[in-house]
Protein backbone atom coordinates (compact mmCIF):
# COMPACT_ATOMS: atom_id res chain seq x y z
CA MET A 1 48.31 -68.64 25.88
CA PRO A 2 49.50 -66.89 22.71
CA VAL A 3 48.75 -69.95 20.61
CA VAL A 4 45.13 -70.24 21.84
CA ARG A 5 44.71 -66.26 21.33
CA ASP A 6 46.01 -66.46 17.67
CA LEU A 7 43.92 -69.53 17.06
CA ARG A 8 40.95 -67.78 18.22
CA VAL A 9 41.72 -64.77 15.98
CA LEU A 10 42.23 -66.97 12.93
CA LEU A 11 38.99 -68.85 13.31
CA HIS A 12 37.13 -65.46 13.46
CA LEU A 13 38.48 -64.77 10.10
CA ARG A 14 35.62 -65.71 7.89
CA ASP A 15 37.66 -66.39 4.61
CA PHE A 16 40.11 -68.30 6.67
CA ARG A 17 37.35 -70.52 8.04
CA ARG A 18 35.95 -71.23 4.54
CA LEU A 19 39.28 -72.12 3.02
CA LEU A 20 40.07 -74.25 6.13
CA THR A 21 36.68 -76.07 5.66
CA VAL A 22 37.54 -76.89 2.03
CA ARG A 23 40.89 -78.16 3.10
CA LEU A 24 39.39 -80.42 5.82
CA LEU A 25 36.84 -81.97 3.51
CA SER A 26 39.23 -82.47 0.77
CA GLN A 27 42.03 -83.95 2.70
CA ALA A 28 39.61 -86.12 4.67
CA ALA A 29 38.52 -87.43 1.22
CA ASP A 30 42.35 -88.08 0.43
CA GLY A 31 42.63 -90.09 3.56
CA VAL A 32 39.61 -92.26 2.80
CA TYR A 33 40.74 -92.79 -0.83
CA GLN A 34 44.35 -93.34 -0.13
CA VAL A 35 43.67 -95.91 2.60
CA ALA A 36 41.17 -97.72 0.36
CA LEU A 37 43.68 -97.96 -2.23
CA ALA A 38 46.44 -99.10 0.13
CA THR A 39 44.34 -101.78 1.83
CA PHE A 40 43.27 -102.97 -1.81
CA VAL A 41 46.79 -103.26 -2.78
CA VAL A 42 48.49 -104.52 0.52
CA PHE A 43 45.76 -106.35 2.47
CA SER A 44 43.64 -108.05 -0.21
CA PRO A 45 43.95 -111.78 0.50
CA GLU A 46 44.60 -112.68 -3.17
CA LYS A 47 47.67 -110.21 -3.17
CA GLN A 48 50.83 -111.31 -1.68
CA ALA A 49 52.30 -107.87 -1.07
CA SER A 50 55.98 -107.54 -0.96
CA PRO A 51 58.16 -104.36 -0.56
CA ALA A 52 58.77 -104.41 -4.32
CA ALA A 53 55.10 -104.52 -5.06
CA ILE A 54 54.29 -101.65 -2.51
CA ALA A 55 57.15 -99.70 -4.16
CA SER A 56 55.80 -100.17 -7.70
CA ALA A 57 52.40 -99.15 -6.60
CA MET A 58 53.75 -95.95 -5.10
CA ALA A 59 55.83 -95.25 -8.32
CA VAL A 60 52.82 -95.88 -10.61
CA LEU A 61 50.59 -93.56 -8.48
CA LEU A 62 53.08 -90.69 -7.72
CA LEU A 63 56.21 -90.62 -9.97
CA PRO A 64 54.59 -89.65 -13.39
CA TYR A 65 52.67 -86.68 -12.00
CA SER A 66 55.54 -85.73 -9.80
CA LEU A 67 57.69 -85.31 -12.82
CA LEU A 68 54.99 -83.25 -14.50
CA GLY A 69 54.12 -81.42 -11.28
CA PRO A 70 56.09 -78.14 -12.02
CA PHE A 71 53.57 -77.50 -14.79
CA ALA A 72 50.82 -77.30 -12.27
CA GLY A 73 52.54 -74.54 -10.37
CA VAL A 74 52.70 -72.27 -13.57
CA LEU A 75 49.11 -72.89 -14.22
CA LEU A 76 48.22 -72.23 -10.58
CA ASP A 77 49.90 -68.72 -11.02
CA ARG A 78 47.63 -68.11 -14.07
CA TRP A 79 44.35 -69.55 -12.95
CA ARG A 80 41.98 -68.47 -10.21
CA ARG A 81 42.74 -70.71 -7.33
CA ARG A 82 39.13 -70.76 -6.13
CA GLN A 83 38.24 -72.40 -9.45
CA VAL A 84 40.97 -74.90 -9.17
CA LEU A 85 39.44 -75.90 -5.81
CA LEU A 86 36.00 -76.20 -7.26
CA HIS A 87 36.74 -78.11 -10.42
CA GLY A 88 39.48 -80.23 -9.06
CA ASN A 89 37.29 -81.51 -6.17
CA LEU A 90 34.43 -82.08 -8.70
CA LEU A 91 36.74 -84.06 -11.03
CA ARG A 92 38.07 -86.10 -8.21
CA ALA A 93 34.64 -87.02 -7.00
CA ALA A 94 33.84 -88.39 -10.41
CA LEU A 95 37.06 -90.29 -10.80
CA ALA A 96 36.89 -91.81 -7.27
CA THR A 97 33.37 -93.16 -8.02
CA ALA A 98 34.81 -94.53 -11.22
CA THR A 99 37.60 -96.21 -9.24
CA ALA A 100 35.05 -97.72 -6.90
CA LEU A 101 33.13 -99.18 -9.89
CA LEU A 102 36.35 -100.72 -11.34
CA VAL A 103 37.21 -102.43 -7.97
CA VAL A 104 33.73 -104.10 -7.93
CA ALA A 105 34.06 -105.12 -11.67
CA ARG A 106 37.54 -106.73 -10.92
CA CYS A 107 38.89 -104.90 -13.87
CA PRO A 108 42.53 -105.39 -15.23
CA GLU A 109 45.01 -103.84 -12.76
CA TRP A 110 46.29 -101.32 -15.37
CA LEU A 111 42.78 -99.87 -15.70
CA PHE A 112 42.50 -99.56 -11.92
CA TYR A 113 45.83 -97.97 -11.59
CA ALA A 114 45.04 -95.42 -14.49
CA SER A 115 41.90 -94.32 -12.76
CA ALA A 116 43.74 -93.94 -9.32
CA LEU A 117 46.50 -92.16 -11.16
CA SER A 118 44.05 -89.62 -12.38
CA VAL A 119 42.86 -88.89 -8.99
CA THR A 120 46.45 -88.26 -7.84
CA ALA A 121 47.09 -85.98 -10.80
CA VAL A 122 44.33 -83.62 -9.80
CA ASN A 123 45.42 -83.78 -6.25
CA ARG A 124 48.70 -82.13 -7.16
CA PHE A 125 46.76 -79.01 -8.28
CA VAL A 126 44.52 -78.81 -5.29
CA LEU A 127 46.95 -79.20 -2.60
CA ALA A 128 49.45 -76.76 -4.07
CA GLY A 129 46.43 -74.37 -4.56
CA LEU A 130 45.41 -74.56 -0.93
CA SER A 131 48.91 -73.74 0.16
CA ALA A 132 49.33 -70.91 -2.28
CA ALA A 133 45.92 -69.32 -1.39
CA LEU A 134 46.59 -69.34 2.41
CA PRO A 135 48.22 -65.81 2.63
CA HIS A 136 45.13 -64.39 1.00
CA VAL A 137 42.95 -65.20 3.83
CA VAL A 138 45.19 -64.25 6.78
CA ASP A 139 45.08 -60.56 7.99
CA SER A 140 48.57 -60.13 8.97
CA PRO A 141 52.22 -61.67 8.18
CA GLU A 142 52.66 -62.07 11.94
CA ARG A 143 50.03 -64.70 12.02
CA LEU A 144 51.36 -66.72 9.18
CA VAL A 145 53.15 -69.22 11.39
CA MET A 146 49.92 -69.94 13.20
CA ALA A 147 47.98 -70.08 10.03
CA ASN A 148 50.48 -72.72 8.71
CA SER A 149 50.14 -74.66 12.01
CA VAL A 150 46.34 -74.72 11.96
CA SER A 151 45.57 -75.17 8.33
CA PRO A 152 47.94 -77.85 6.92
CA THR A 153 48.11 -79.70 10.21
CA ALA A 154 44.40 -79.61 10.52
CA GLY A 155 44.30 -81.05 6.91
CA THR A 156 46.72 -83.74 7.96
CA LEU A 157 44.49 -84.67 10.92
CA ALA A 158 41.38 -84.61 8.68
CA ALA A 159 43.31 -87.09 6.39
CA THR A 160 44.01 -89.23 9.41
CA ALA A 161 40.34 -89.11 10.39
CA GLY A 162 39.45 -90.02 6.89
CA GLY A 163 41.83 -92.94 6.93
CA GLY A 164 40.23 -94.08 10.12
CA LEU A 165 36.75 -93.95 8.51
CA ALA A 166 38.17 -96.03 5.54
CA PHE A 167 39.62 -98.59 8.09
CA ALA A 168 36.11 -98.75 9.80
CA VAL A 169 34.45 -99.42 6.52
CA ARG A 170 37.02 -102.01 5.48
CA LEU A 171 36.72 -103.90 8.83
CA GLY A 172 32.94 -103.48 9.04
CA VAL A 173 31.57 -104.24 5.76
CA PRO A 174 30.82 -108.03 5.77
CA GLU A 175 30.47 -108.54 1.95
CA GLY A 176 34.10 -109.02 1.24
CA THR A 177 37.27 -107.09 0.34
CA ALA A 178 36.06 -105.67 -2.96
CA ALA A 179 32.86 -104.38 -1.61
CA SER A 180 34.44 -102.61 1.46
CA ASP A 181 37.15 -101.05 -0.51
CA ALA A 182 34.50 -99.69 -3.05
CA TRP A 183 32.30 -98.49 -0.37
CA ALA A 184 35.22 -96.46 1.12
CA MET A 185 36.26 -95.11 -2.27
CA LEU A 186 32.48 -93.77 -2.62
CA LEU A 187 32.69 -92.17 0.84
CA GLY A 188 35.78 -90.34 -0.50
CA ALA A 189 33.84 -89.29 -3.60
CA ALA A 190 31.06 -87.77 -1.47
CA LEU A 191 33.65 -85.88 0.55
CA TYR A 192 35.22 -84.47 -2.56
CA LEU A 193 31.86 -83.31 -3.64
CA GLY A 194 31.33 -81.54 -0.27
CA ALA A 195 34.72 -79.83 -0.62
CA ALA A 196 33.72 -78.62 -4.15
CA LEU A 197 30.38 -77.21 -2.86
CA CYS A 198 31.99 -75.52 0.02
CA SER A 199 34.49 -73.65 -2.20
CA LEU A 200 31.57 -71.88 -3.67
CA ARG A 201 31.07 -69.85 -0.62
CA MET A 202 34.30 -67.94 -1.41
CA PRO A 203 34.36 -65.20 -4.19
CA ALA A 204 36.13 -66.37 -7.42
CA GLY A 205 38.99 -63.82 -7.10
CA LEU A 206 39.60 -64.13 -3.46
CA LEU A 207 42.48 -66.47 -3.38
CA GLY A 208 44.59 -65.01 -6.22
CA PRO A 209 46.77 -65.04 -7.98
CA ASP A 210 46.98 -61.31 -7.72
CA ALA A 211 47.46 -60.75 -11.46
CA PRO A 212 46.35 -63.91 -13.35
CA GLY A 213 47.76 -64.43 -16.80
CA PRO A 214 45.60 -64.17 -19.94
CA ALA A 215 44.41 -67.38 -21.78
CA ALA A 216 46.92 -68.70 -24.30
CA ARG A 217 47.32 -71.47 -26.93
CA VAL A 218 48.48 -74.78 -25.73
CA ARG A 219 52.06 -74.41 -27.39
CA THR A 220 52.40 -70.88 -26.04
CA ALA A 221 51.18 -72.04 -22.59
CA LEU A 222 53.74 -74.84 -22.56
CA ALA A 223 56.59 -72.52 -23.53
CA THR A 224 55.42 -70.23 -20.78
CA THR A 225 55.35 -73.04 -18.46
CA VAL A 226 58.93 -73.97 -19.14
CA ARG A 227 60.18 -70.32 -18.91
CA GLY A 228 58.01 -69.90 -15.65
CA MET A 229 59.54 -72.86 -13.90
CA ALA A 230 63.08 -71.68 -14.78
CA ASP A 231 62.00 -68.21 -13.29
CA GLY A 232 60.55 -69.96 -10.24
CA LEU A 233 63.86 -71.93 -9.55
CA ARG A 234 65.92 -68.79 -9.91
CA HIS A 235 63.54 -67.14 -7.64
CA LEU A 236 64.04 -69.80 -5.05
CA ALA A 237 67.83 -69.85 -5.54
CA GLU A 238 67.87 -66.23 -4.51
CA ARG A 239 66.17 -67.24 -1.20
CA PRO A 240 68.66 -69.60 0.49
CA VAL A 241 66.67 -70.01 3.68
CA ALA A 242 63.65 -71.37 1.64
CA ALA A 243 65.98 -73.58 -0.54
CA ARG A 244 67.66 -75.11 2.50
CA ALA A 245 64.33 -75.72 4.39
CA LEU A 246 62.97 -77.52 1.18
CA ALA A 247 66.04 -79.70 0.97
CA ALA A 248 65.83 -80.73 4.56
CA MET A 249 62.22 -81.33 4.29
CA THR A 250 62.75 -83.56 1.32
CA LEU A 251 65.21 -85.75 2.98
CA MET A 252 62.98 -86.09 6.10
CA ARG A 253 60.14 -87.20 3.71
CA PHE A 254 62.47 -89.77 2.29
CA CYS A 255 63.09 -91.04 5.85
CA TYR A 256 59.33 -91.02 6.58
CA GLY A 257 58.57 -92.99 3.42
CA ALA A 258 61.09 -95.74 3.87
CA LEU A 259 59.82 -96.25 7.47
CA THR A 260 56.17 -96.30 6.16
CA VAL A 261 57.02 -99.15 3.75
CA MET A 262 58.71 -101.00 6.61
CA LEU A 263 55.57 -100.44 8.96
CA LEU A 264 53.24 -101.70 6.22
CA MET A 265 55.33 -104.93 5.76
CA LEU A 266 55.39 -105.52 9.68
CA CYS A 267 51.56 -105.02 9.94
CA ARG A 268 51.11 -107.41 6.95
CA HIS A 269 53.48 -110.13 7.95
CA SER A 270 54.80 -109.87 11.47
CA TRP A 271 52.43 -108.43 13.80
CA ALA A 272 49.14 -110.35 13.05
CA ASP A 273 47.91 -113.74 12.25
CA ASP A 274 45.36 -112.60 9.58
CA ASP A 275 44.70 -109.62 7.37
CA LYS A 276 42.06 -107.97 9.60
CA GLY A 277 44.47 -107.99 12.55
CA GLY A 278 47.30 -106.48 10.46
CA LEU A 279 45.00 -103.75 9.23
CA ALA A 280 43.89 -103.02 12.81
CA MET A 281 47.57 -102.60 13.73
CA LEU A 282 48.06 -100.20 10.73
CA GLY A 283 45.10 -98.24 12.04
CA TYR A 284 46.71 -97.95 15.51
CA ALA A 285 49.90 -96.74 13.88
CA VAL A 286 48.07 -94.08 11.78
CA ALA A 287 46.28 -92.93 14.88
CA ALA A 288 49.54 -92.57 16.84
CA SER A 289 51.13 -90.57 13.88
CA GLY A 290 47.99 -88.29 13.74
CA ALA A 291 48.29 -87.50 17.47
CA GLY A 292 51.97 -86.56 16.64
CA TYR A 293 50.75 -84.16 13.93
CA PHE A 294 48.37 -82.51 16.41
CA ALA A 295 51.17 -82.08 18.98
CA ALA A 296 53.23 -80.56 16.28
CA ALA A 297 50.52 -78.09 15.63
CA LEU A 298 50.47 -77.01 19.16
CA SER A 299 54.25 -76.81 19.72
CA THR A 300 55.66 -75.51 16.40
CA PRO A 301 54.61 -71.79 16.88
CA TRP A 302 56.06 -71.73 20.36
CA ALA A 303 59.23 -73.60 19.31
CA VAL A 304 59.78 -71.32 16.18
CA GLY A 305 59.49 -68.29 18.49
CA ARG A 306 62.17 -69.84 20.81
CA LEU A 307 64.54 -71.49 18.42
CA GLY A 308 63.83 -69.79 14.96
CA TRP A 309 62.65 -71.42 11.71
CA LEU A 310 65.84 -73.49 11.05
CA GLY A 311 66.52 -74.10 14.66
CA TRP A 312 63.13 -75.81 15.16
CA MET A 313 63.79 -78.00 12.00
CA THR A 314 67.24 -78.89 13.52
CA ALA A 315 65.69 -79.99 16.70
CA CYS A 316 63.10 -82.04 14.93
CA ALA A 317 65.82 -83.86 12.87
CA ALA A 318 67.91 -84.43 15.86
CA THR A 319 65.17 -85.87 17.97
CA ALA A 320 64.40 -88.36 14.99
CA ALA A 321 67.94 -89.26 14.69
CA VAL A 322 68.09 -90.29 18.42
CA LEU A 323 64.74 -91.85 18.94
CA GLU A 324 64.08 -93.60 15.73
CA PRO A 325 66.61 -96.34 16.13
CA ALA A 326 65.91 -96.71 19.91
CA LEU A 327 62.21 -97.32 19.26
CA GLY A 328 62.35 -99.06 15.99
CA LEU A 329 65.15 -101.59 16.39
CA PRO A 330 63.02 -103.93 18.58
CA PHE A 331 60.54 -104.29 15.74
CA GLU A 332 57.83 -104.68 18.38
CA PRO A 333 54.40 -103.05 18.14
CA ALA A 334 54.47 -100.93 21.34
CA PRO A 335 57.71 -99.00 20.64
CA MET A 336 56.99 -98.78 17.06
CA LEU A 337 53.71 -97.02 17.81
CA VAL A 338 55.64 -94.56 20.08
CA ALA A 339 57.99 -94.03 16.98
CA ALA A 340 55.01 -93.27 14.87
CA PHE A 341 53.93 -90.54 17.36
CA VAL A 342 57.62 -89.16 17.53
CA LEU A 343 57.96 -89.08 13.74
CA GLY A 344 54.46 -87.44 13.54
CA VAL A 345 55.74 -84.56 15.65
CA THR A 346 59.04 -84.24 13.97
CA THR A 347 57.97 -84.48 10.40
CA GLN A 348 54.85 -82.36 10.77
CA GLY A 349 56.79 -79.77 12.80
CA ALA A 350 59.33 -79.49 10.07
CA LYS A 351 56.66 -79.33 7.34
CA ILE A 352 54.71 -76.48 9.10
CA THR A 353 58.02 -74.70 9.35
CA THR A 354 58.85 -75.19 5.74
CA ASP A 355 55.49 -74.07 4.61
CA THR A 356 55.94 -70.85 6.52
CA VAL A 357 59.41 -70.25 5.33
CA VAL A 358 58.33 -70.57 1.75
CA GLN A 359 55.21 -68.39 2.12
CA ALA A 360 57.17 -65.71 3.94
CA THR A 361 60.14 -65.48 1.63
CA VAL A 362 58.70 -66.24 -1.83
CA ASP A 363 56.74 -63.70 -3.86
CA ASP A 364 53.04 -64.28 -4.39
CA ALA A 365 53.71 -64.28 -8.18
CA PHE A 366 56.03 -67.31 -7.86
CA ARG A 367 54.42 -69.06 -4.89
CA GLY A 368 52.36 -71.52 -6.83
CA ARG A 369 55.42 -72.66 -8.79
CA VAL A 370 57.47 -73.11 -5.74
CA PHE A 371 54.76 -74.99 -3.96
CA SER A 372 54.34 -77.38 -6.81
CA LEU A 373 58.09 -77.98 -6.87
CA TYR A 374 57.74 -78.70 -3.14
CA ASP A 375 55.02 -81.04 -3.89
CA VAL A 376 57.02 -82.82 -6.54
CA LEU A 377 60.12 -83.15 -4.05
CA PHE A 378 57.66 -84.77 -1.55
CA ASN A 379 56.64 -87.32 -4.04
CA VAL A 380 59.86 -88.19 -5.63
CA ALA A 381 61.43 -88.51 -2.11
CA PHE A 382 58.68 -90.86 -1.10
CA VAL A 383 58.90 -93.08 -4.20
CA GLY A 384 62.56 -93.18 -3.86
CA ALA A 385 62.32 -94.15 -0.17
CA ALA A 386 59.88 -96.91 -1.24
CA GLY A 387 62.31 -98.16 -3.80
CA THR A 388 65.39 -98.17 -1.28
CA ALA A 389 63.20 -100.06 1.20
CA ALA A 390 62.26 -102.62 -1.46
CA LEU A 391 65.88 -103.38 -1.91
CA MET A 392 66.76 -103.51 1.89
CA LEU A 393 63.59 -105.06 3.46
CA PRO A 394 63.09 -108.76 3.96
CA PRO A 395 59.48 -110.10 3.42
CA ASP A 396 58.74 -109.82 7.33
CA GLY A 397 59.87 -106.11 7.25
CA ARG A 398 62.53 -106.45 9.86
CA SER A 399 65.66 -104.66 8.74
CA ALA A 400 68.19 -103.15 11.23
CA VAL A 401 70.19 -101.88 8.37
CA LEU A 402 67.39 -99.74 7.10
CA VAL A 403 66.64 -98.27 10.53
CA VAL A 404 70.24 -97.46 11.12
CA THR A 405 70.57 -95.78 7.54
CA ILE A 406 67.59 -93.68 8.30
CA SER A 407 69.06 -92.51 11.62
CA VAL A 408 72.27 -91.54 9.83
CA ILE A 409 70.36 -89.48 7.36
CA TYR A 410 68.45 -87.63 10.14
CA ALA A 411 71.86 -87.04 11.76
CA GLY A 412 73.20 -85.55 8.50
CA ILE A 413 70.08 -83.27 8.22
CA THR A 414 70.74 -82.08 11.81
CA ALA A 415 74.39 -81.25 11.11
CA GLY A 416 73.60 -79.49 7.69
CA LEU A 417 70.79 -77.31 9.19
CA ALA A 418 72.92 -76.35 12.31
CA LEU A 419 75.78 -75.38 9.96
CA PHE A 420 73.68 -73.24 7.79
CA ASP A 421 71.89 -71.65 10.79
CA ARG A 422 75.21 -70.67 12.28
CA ARG A 423 76.44 -69.11 9.05
């Protein structure tokens, strides 16, 4: 099989393996840390979580740094990306440890969110740096689709596995909610430290950028950042395929975010009699979605070869438009788990394709800026989806209006991509 052959070749590339190892450890830590945060906010017995509370937490953790995210891209195009991976993961290890201590100390909520927000801020640099560095460790442009299938999807699976570890810690530690969440955060800190140490196996200049900019004063750097982002946006506007793919992926991320909030409320209030039962149901949904990510990694290279970049994204959106209401409207666990798998396939399949489009059509000098913009769009869409869901969801999470609205958005994405691809 071509997929197996290309995968074998990629894994024989030493630098690709090393970058992949850093991604796996880093995103496994993300999964542990994010699930620990989610369970602390949503499933703590003393917290009566509502859609509005979940949306507020997402906004606090994602929105401020999403608005500042473009500045990260310009810096990524000036800093050595290996150093970003090293120092970013070291800093996250320290901050995750601090968050665990704050949970145990039962600190004021604003201090807890400030610490968690700091981890999220550094995450913007690390994830954008991993994506921008990938072309530097692949030996030919022809294998870039496979590299994008293996690397980001493997990272997503690692995050899913990390989330599973956090669930296991949360359910297995008998000392109580605060202790279990703190232990999970400390596990995340250890994984961040491992990612930092593994990045040292790569030469400092390996991952680019090809011509890093000289050091500058803060005022000059800020001015350069503003000009650089404007240049990056103009560069993206000159590449309509990449721009359309980013727009479609942003809307699909919005749909995924709204359904995530609905799933959280169903697990918390409708599908179980206690917090542990609800947490177990959420774990099953995460596992189903992770299986969908894996299926997308296997199917996307073949599908892109048959349908083309935008053709495969169109098929993903169309599949979600049809199956999401069919599986979601019963609001029962079994069909909803199938829906989690389907959305895992379609969302990750579209993301792999978008990553490839951006990497194949955007010049390396602008790639960090464009991936940071990509990251910003991801987070803003997710926060906007959470806010929309907060307005539409009842306390038990059952909203037919939300399910139908999401289906209509998927249908609109399908029509827009099909029209552009035809033109």
